[in-house]
Amino acid sequence: KNIKLLEMQAREFMPLRVSVSDEESAKELKA
């Protein structure tokens, strides 16, 4: 559920996909 850090990692490394533990966190990260 560490959405902020995962977002920073995603922006730096540009993976094809990211995943989190629950749907609510996924909605927040997707936004």
All heavy atoms as atom14 arrays in JSON, in Angstrom:
{
  "sequence": "KNIKLLEMQAREFMPLRVSVSDEESAKELKA",
  "atom14_mask": [
    [1, 1, 1, 1, 1, 1, 1, 1, 1, 0, 0, 0, 0, 0],
    [1, 1, 1, 1, 1, 1, 1, 1, 0, 0, 0, 0, 0, 0],
    [1, 1, 1, 1, 1, 1, 1, 1, 0, 0, 0, 0, 0, 0],
    [1, 1, 1, 1, 1, 1, 1, 1, 1, 0, 0, 0, 0, 0],
    [1, 1, 1, 1, 1, 1, 1, 1, 0, 0, 0, 0, 0, 0],
    [1, 1, 1, 1, 1, 1, 1, 1, 0, 0, 0, 0, 0, 0],
    [1, 1, 1, 1, 1, 1, 1, 1, 1, 0, 0, 0, 0, 0],
    [1, 1, 1, 1, 1, 1, 1, 1, 0, 0, 0, 0, 0, 0],
    [1, 1, 1, 1, 1, 1, 1, 1, 1, 0, 0, 0, 0, 0],
    [1, 1, 1, 1, 1, 0, 0, 0, 0, 0, 0, 0, 0, 0],
    [1, 1, 1, 1, 1, 1, 1, 1, 1, 1, 1, 0, 0, 0],
    [1, 1, 1, 1, 1, 1, 1, 1, 1, 0, 0, 0, 0, 0],
    [1, 1, 1, 1, 1, 1, 1, 1, 1, 1, 1, 0, 0, 0],
    [1, 1, 1, 1, 1, 1, 1, 1, 0, 0, 0, 0, 0, 0],
    [1, 1, 1, 1, 1, 1, 1, 0, 0, 0, 0, 0, 0, 0],
    [1, 1, 1, 1, 1, 1, 1, 1, 0, 0, 0, 0, 0, 0],
    [1, 1, 1, 1, 1, 1, 1, 1, 1, 1, 1, 0, 0, 0],
    [1, 1, 1, 1, 1, 1, 1, 0, 0, 0, 0, 0, 0, 0],
    [1, 1, 1, 1, 1, 1, 0, 0, 0, 0, 0, 0, 0, 0],
    [1, 1, 1, 1, 1, 1, 1, 0, 0, 0, 0, 0, 0, 0],
    [1, 1, 1, 1, 1, 1, 0, 0, 0, 0, 0, 0, 0, 0],
    [1, 1, 1, 1, 1, 1, 1, 1, 0, 0, 0, 0, 0, 0],
    [1, 1, 1, 1, 1, 1, 1, 1, 1, 0, 0, 0, 0, 0],
    [1, 1, 1, 1, 1, 1, 1, 1, 1, 0, 0, 0, 0, 0],
    [1, 1, 1, 1, 1, 1, 0, 0, 0, 0, 0, 0, 0, 0],
    [1, 1, 1, 1, 1, 0, 0, 0, 0, 0, 0, 0, 0, 0],
    [1, 1, 1, 1, 1, 1, 1, 1, 1, 0, 0, 0, 0, 0],
    [1, 1, 1, 1, 1, 1, 1, 1, 1, 0, 0, 0, 0, 0],
    [1, 1, 1, 1, 1, 1, 1, 1, 0, 0, 0, 0, 0, 0],
    [1, 1, 1, 1, 1, 1, 1, 1, 1, 0, 0, 0, 0, 0],
    [1, 1, 1, 1, 1, 0, 0, 0, 0, 0, 0, 0, 0, 0]
  ],
  "atom14_positions": [
    [[0.81, -1.22, 0.0], [0.0, 0.0, 0.0], [0.84, 1.27, 0.0], [0.32, 2.37, 0.21], [-0.93, 0.0, 1.22], [-1.98, -1.1, 1.19], [-2.97, -0.95, 2.32], [-4.06, -2.02, 2.24], [-5.07, -1.87, 3.3], [0.0, 0.0, 0.0], [0.0, 0.0, 0.0], [0.0, 0.0, 0.0], [0.0, 0.0, 0.0], [0.0, 0.0, 0.0]],
    [[2.14, 1.14, -0.27], [3.0, 2.32, -0.32], [2.86, 2.95, -1.71], [3.75, 2.87, -2.56], [4.45, 1.94, -0.03], [5.32, 3.16, 0.26], [4.97, 4.28, -0.09], [6.45, 2.93, 0.9], [0.0, 0.0, 0.0], [0.0, 0.0, 0.0], [0.0, 0.0, 0.0], [0.0, 0.0, 0.0], [0.0, 0.0, 0.0], [0.0, 0.0, 0.0]],
    [[1.73, 3.6, -1.93], [1.37, 4.1, -3.25], [2.31, 5.21, -3.7], [2.71, 5.28, -4.87], [-0.08, 4.63, -3.25], [-1.04, 3.57, -2.7], [-0.5, 5.05, -4.65], [-0.98, 2.27, -3.45], [0.0, 0.0, 0.0], [0.0, 0.0, 0.0], [0.0, 0.0, 0.0], [0.0, 0.0, 0.0], [0.0, 0.0, 0.0], [0.0, 0.0, 0.0]],
    [[2.68, 6.1, -2.79], [3.52, 7.24, -3.17], [4.88, 6.78, -3.68], [5.37, 7.26, -4.72], [3.69, 8.19, -1.98], [2.41, 8.95, -1.64], [2.65, 9.97, -0.53], [1.37, 10.75, -0.23], [1.58, 11.75, 0.86], [0.0, 0.0, 0.0], [0.0, 0.0, 0.0], [0.0, 0.0, 0.0], [0.0, 0.0, 0.0], [0.0, 0.0, 0.0]],
    [[5.51, 5.84, -2.96], [6.82, 5.36, -3.4], [6.7, 4.57, -4.69], [7.54, 4.72, -5.6], [7.47, 4.5, -2.31], [8.86, 3.93, -2.65], [9.82, 5.03, -3.08], [9.42, 3.16, -1.45], [0.0, 0.0, 0.0], [0.0, 0.0, 0.0], [0.0, 0.0, 0.0], [0.0, 0.0, 0.0], [0.0, 0.0, 0.0], [0.0, 0.0, 0.0]],
    [[5.66, 3.75, -4.81], [5.49, 2.97, -6.04], [5.27, 3.9, -7.23], [5.78, 3.65, -8.33], [4.31, 2.01, -5.89], [4.07, 1.07, -7.08], [5.3, 0.22, -7.37], [2.87, 0.16, -6.81], [0.0, 0.0, 0.0], [0.0, 0.0, 0.0], [0.0, 0.0, 0.0], [0.0, 0.0, 0.0], [0.0, 0.0, 0.0], [0.0, 0.0, 0.0]],
    [[4.54, 4.99, -7.04], [4.36, 5.95, -8.12], [5.7, 6.56, -8.54], [6.0, 6.69, -9.74], [3.41, 7.07, -7.7], [3.2, 8.1, -8.81], [2.45, 9.35, -8.36], [1.94, 9.36, -7.22], [2.4, 10.31, -9.15], [0.0, 0.0, 0.0], [0.0, 0.0, 0.0], [0.0, 0.0, 0.0], [0.0, 0.0, 0.0], [0.0, 0.0, 0.0]],
    [[6.54, 6.92, -7.58], [7.86, 7.47, -7.89], [8.7, 6.46, -8.67], [9.37, 6.81, -9.64], [8.56, 7.88, -6.6], [7.94, 9.06, -5.89], [8.66, 9.35, -4.23], [10.37, 9.64, -4.66], [0.0, 0.0, 0.0], [0.0, 0.0, 0.0], [0.0, 0.0, 0.0], [0.0, 0.0, 0.0], [0.0, 0.0, 0.0], [0.0, 0.0, 0.0]],
    [[8.65, 5.19, -8.23], [9.4, 4.15, -8.93], [8.89, 3.97, -10.35], [9.68, 3.82, -11.3], [9.3, 2.83, -8.16], [10.0, 2.84, -6.81], [9.76, 1.58, -6.01], [8.85, 0.8, -6.31], [10.56, 1.37, -4.97], [0.0, 0.0, 0.0], [0.0, 0.0, 0.0], [0.0, 0.0, 0.0], [0.0, 0.0, 0.0], [0.0, 0.0, 0.0]],
    [[7.57, 3.99, -10.51], [6.98, 3.81, -11.84], [7.38, 4.94, -12.78], [7.69, 4.7, -13.96], [5.45, 3.72, -11.72], [0.0, 0.0, 0.0], [0.0, 0.0, 0.0], [0.0, 0.0, 0.0], [0.0, 0.0, 0.0], [0.0, 0.0, 0.0], [0.0, 0.0, 0.0], [0.0, 0.0, 0.0], [0.0, 0.0, 0.0], [0.0, 0.0, 0.0]],
    [[7.39, 6.14, -12.27], [7.76, 7.28, -13.11], [9.23, 7.24, -13.5], [9.61, 7.66, -14.6], [7.43, 8.6, -12.4], [5.94, 8.85, -12.28], [5.6, 10.22, -11.73], [4.15, 10.41, -11.7], [3.42, 10.77, -12.75], [4.03, 11.0, -13.91], [2.11, 10.92, -12.65], [0.0, 0.0, 0.0], [0.0, 0.0, 0.0], [0.0, 0.0, 0.0]],
    [[10.06, 6.73, -12.62], [11.49, 6.66, -12.93], [11.82, 5.52, -13.88], [12.58, 5.7, -14.84], [12.3, 6.5, -11.64], [13.8, 6.37, -11.89], [14.63, 6.21, -10.63], [14.03, 6.18, -9.52], [15.87, 6.1, -10.74], [0.0, 0.0, 0.0], [0.0, 0.0, 0.0], [0.0, 0.0, 0.0], [0.0, 0.0, 0.0], [0.0, 0.0, 0.0]],
    [[11.26, 4.33, -13.63], [11.68, 3.14, -14.38], [10.72, 2.76, -15.51], [11.05, 1.9, -16.32], [11.86, 1.96, -13.42], [13.01, 2.13, -12.48], [12.82, 2.62, -11.19], [14.31, 1.83, -12.88], [13.88, 2.79, -10.33], [15.38, 1.99, -12.03], [15.17, 2.48, -10.74], [0.0, 0.0, 0.0], [0.0, 0.0, 0.0], [0.0, 0.0, 0.0]],
    [[9.56, 3.37, -15.55], [8.59, 3.17, -16.63], [8.33, 1.69, -16.93], [8.51, 1.21, -18.06], [9.08, 3.88, -17.89], [9.05, 5.39, -17.77], [7.39, 6.06, -17.47], [6.56, 5.63, -19.0], [0.0, 0.0, 0.0], [0.0, 0.0, 0.0], [0.0, 0.0, 0.0], [0.0, 0.0, 0.0], [0.0, 0.0, 0.0], [0.0, 0.0, 0.0]],
    [[7.89, 0.91, -15.93], [7.55, -0.49, -16.19], [6.28, -0.59, -17.03], [5.54, 0.39, -17.2], [7.32, -1.04, -14.78], [6.81, 0.14, -14.01], [7.58, 1.32, -14.55], [0.0, 0.0, 0.0], [0.0, 0.0, 0.0], [0.0, 0.0, 0.0], [0.0, 0.0, 0.0], [0.0, 0.0, 0.0], [0.0, 0.0, 0.0], [0.0, 0.0, 0.0]],
    [[6.03, -1.77, -17.55], [4.8, -1.98, -18.31], [3.59, -2.03, -17.4], [2.48, -1.68, -17.8], [4.9, -3.29, -19.1], [6.0, -3.36, -20.17], [6.0, -4.73, -20.82], [5.81, -2.26, -21.2], [0.0, 0.0, 0.0], [0.0, 0.0, 0.0], [0.0, 0.0, 0.0], [0.0, 0.0, 0.0], [0.0, 0.0, 0.0], [0.0, 0.0, 0.0]],
    [[3.8, -2.51, -16.17], [2.68, -2.66, -15.24], [3.15, -2.51, -13.8], [4.32, -2.74, -13.49], [2.01, -4.02, -15.42], [2.86, -5.2, -15.06], [2.26, -6.52, -15.48], [2.06, -6.58, -16.93], [3.03, -6.86, -17.8], [4.27, -7.08, -17.38], [2.78, -6.93, -19.09], [0.0, 0.0, 0.0], [0.0, 0.0, 0.0], [0.0, 0.0, 0.0]],
    [[2.23, -2.13, -12.95], [2.45, -2.1, -11.5], [1.25, -2.76, -10.84], [0.16, -2.81, -11.42], [2.64, -0.66, -10.96], [3.9, -0.04, -11.51], [1.42, 0.2, -11.28], [0.0, 0.0, 0.0], [0.0, 0.0, 0.0], [0.0, 0.0, 0.0], [0.0, 0.0, 0.0], [0.0, 0.0, 0.0], [0.0, 0.0, 0.0], [0.0, 0.0, 0.0]],
    [[1.46, -3.25, -9.62], [0.36, -3.89, -8.9], [0.43, -3.54, -7.43], [1.52, -3.36, -6.87], [0.44, -5.42, -9.08], [-0.65, -6.05, -8.4], [0.0, 0.0, 0.0], [0.0, 0.0, 0.0], [0.0, 0.0, 0.0], [0.0, 0.0, 0.0], [0.0, 0.0, 0.0], [0.0, 0.0, 0.0], [0.0, 0.0, 0.0], [0.0, 0.0, 0.0]],
    [[-0.75, -3.42, -6.82], [-0.85, -3.11, -5.38], [-1.78, -4.13, -4.73], [-2.36, -4.98, -5.39], [-1.37, -1.68, -5.16], [-0.32, -0.67, -5.58], [-2.67, -1.44, -5.92], [0.0, 0.0, 0.0], [0.0, 0.0, 0.0], [0.0, 0.0, 0.0], [0.0, 0.0, 0.0], [0.0, 0.0, 0.0], [0.0, 0.0, 0.0], [0.0, 0.0, 0.0]],
    [[-1.93, -4.03, -3.42], [-2.6, -5.09, -2.67], [-4.11, -5.11, -2.85], [-4.73, -6.17, -2.84], [-2.26, -4.98, -1.18], [-2.71, -3.74, -0.67], [0.0, 0.0, 0.0], [0.0, 0.0, 0.0], [0.0, 0.0, 0.0], [0.0, 0.0, 0.0], [0.0, 0.0, 0.0], [0.0, 0.0, 0.0], [0.0, 0.0, 0.0], [0.0, 0.0, 0.0]],
    [[-4.75, -3.93, -3.0], [-6.21, -3.9, -3.0], [-6.75, -2.94, -4.07], [-6.01, -2.1, -4.61], [-6.73, -3.48, -1.62], [-6.23, -2.12, -1.21], [-6.86, -1.12, -1.58], [-5.17, -2.05, -0.54], [0.0, 0.0, 0.0], [0.0, 0.0, 0.0], [0.0, 0.0, 0.0], [0.0, 0.0, 0.0], [0.0, 0.0, 0.0], [0.0, 0.0, 0.0]],
    [[-8.02, -3.08, -4.34], [-8.65, -2.33, -5.43], [-8.66, -0.83, -5.16], [-8.46, -0.03, -6.08], [-10.08, -2.84, -5.64], [-10.76, -2.26, -6.86], [-12.11, -2.88, -7.12], [-12.62, -3.61, -6.24], [-12.68, -2.62, -8.2], [0.0, 0.0, 0.0], [0.0, 0.0, 0.0], [0.0, 0.0, 0.0], [0.0, 0.0, 0.0], [0.0, 0.0, 0.0]],
    [[-8.89, -0.45, -3.92], [-8.94, 0.97, -3.58], [-7.59, 1.64, -3.85], [-7.52, 2.74, -4.42], [-9.34, 1.14, -2.11], [-9.72, 2.56, -1.73], [-10.94, 3.07, -2.49], [-11.85, 2.27, -2.78], [-10.96, 4.28, -2.8], [0.0, 0.0, 0.0], [0.0, 0.0, 0.0], [0.0, 0.0, 0.0], [0.0, 0.0, 0.0], [0.0, 0.0, 0.0]],
    [[-6.5, 0.96, -3.44], [-5.16, 1.5, -3.7], [-4.87, 1.57, -5.19], [-4.21, 2.49, -5.68], [-4.1, 0.64, -3.0], [-4.27, 0.66, -1.6], [0.0, 0.0, 0.0], [0.0, 0.0, 0.0], [0.0, 0.0, 0.0], [0.0, 0.0, 0.0], [0.0, 0.0, 0.0], [0.0, 0.0, 0.0], [0.0, 0.0, 0.0], [0.0, 0.0, 0.0]],
    [[-5.37, 0.56, -5.92], [-5.18, 0.53, -7.37], [-5.86, 1.73, -8.04], [-5.3, 2.36, -8.95], [-5.71, -0.77, -7.94], [0.0, 0.0, 0.0], [0.0, 0.0, 0.0], [0.0, 0.0, 0.0], [0.0, 0.0, 0.0], [0.0, 0.0, 0.0], [0.0, 0.0, 0.0], [0.0, 0.0, 0.0], [0.0, 0.0, 0.0], [0.0, 0.0, 0.0]],
    [[-7.06, 2.07, -7.58], [-7.78, 3.22, -8.14], [-7.0, 4.5, -7.88], [-6.88, 5.37, -8.76], [-9.18, 3.31, -7.52], [-10.14, 2.24, -8.0], [-11.5, 2.39, -7.31], [-12.47, 1.3, -7.76], [-13.77, 1.4, -7.05], [0.0, 0.0, 0.0], [0.0, 0.0, 0.0], [0.0, 0.0, 0.0], [0.0, 0.0, 0.0], [0.0, 0.0, 0.0]],
    [[-6.47, 4.63, -6.67], [-5.7, 5.82, -6.31], [-4.44, 5.94, -7.17], [-4.1, 7.01, -7.69], [-5.33, 5.77, -4.83], [-4.54, 6.97, -4.35], [-4.15, 6.85, -2.88], [-4.79, 6.06, -2.15], [-3.2, 7.54, -2.46], [0.0, 0.0, 0.0], [0.0, 0.0, 0.0], [0.0, 0.0, 0.0], [0.0, 0.0, 0.0], [0.0, 0.0, 0.0]],
    [[-3.74, 4.8, -7.33], [-2.5, 4.81, -8.11], [-2.79, 5.06, -9.59], [-2.05, 5.79, -10.27], [-1.76, 3.48, -7.93], [-0.4, 3.37, -8.62], [0.56, 4.46, -8.14], [0.2, 1.99, -8.4], [0.0, 0.0, 0.0], [0.0, 0.0, 0.0], [0.0, 0.0, 0.0], [0.0, 0.0, 0.0], [0.0, 0.0, 0.0], [0.0, 0.0, 0.0]],
    [[-3.86, 4.47, -10.1], [-4.22, 4.66, -11.51], [-4.5, 6.13, -11.8], [-4.11, 6.66, -12.86], [-5.45, 3.81, -11.85], [-5.76, 3.75, -13.34], [-6.83, 2.7, -13.63], [-7.04, 2.56, -15.14], [-8.03, 1.49, -15.44], [0.0, 0.0, 0.0], [0.0, 0.0, 0.0], [0.0, 0.0, 0.0], [0.0, 0.0, 0.0], [0.0, 0.0, 0.0]],
    [[-5.16, 6.8, -10.87], [-5.42, 8.23, -11.05], [-4.12, 9.03, -11.05], [-3.96, 9.98, -11.84], [-6.35, 8.73, -9.94], [0.0, 0.0, 0.0], [0.0, 0.0, 0.0], [0.0, 0.0, 0.0], [0.0, 0.0, 0.0], [0.0, 0.0, 0.0], [0.0, 0.0, 0.0], [0.0, 0.0, 0.0], [0.0, 0.0, 0.0], [0.0, 0.0, 0.0]]
  ]
}
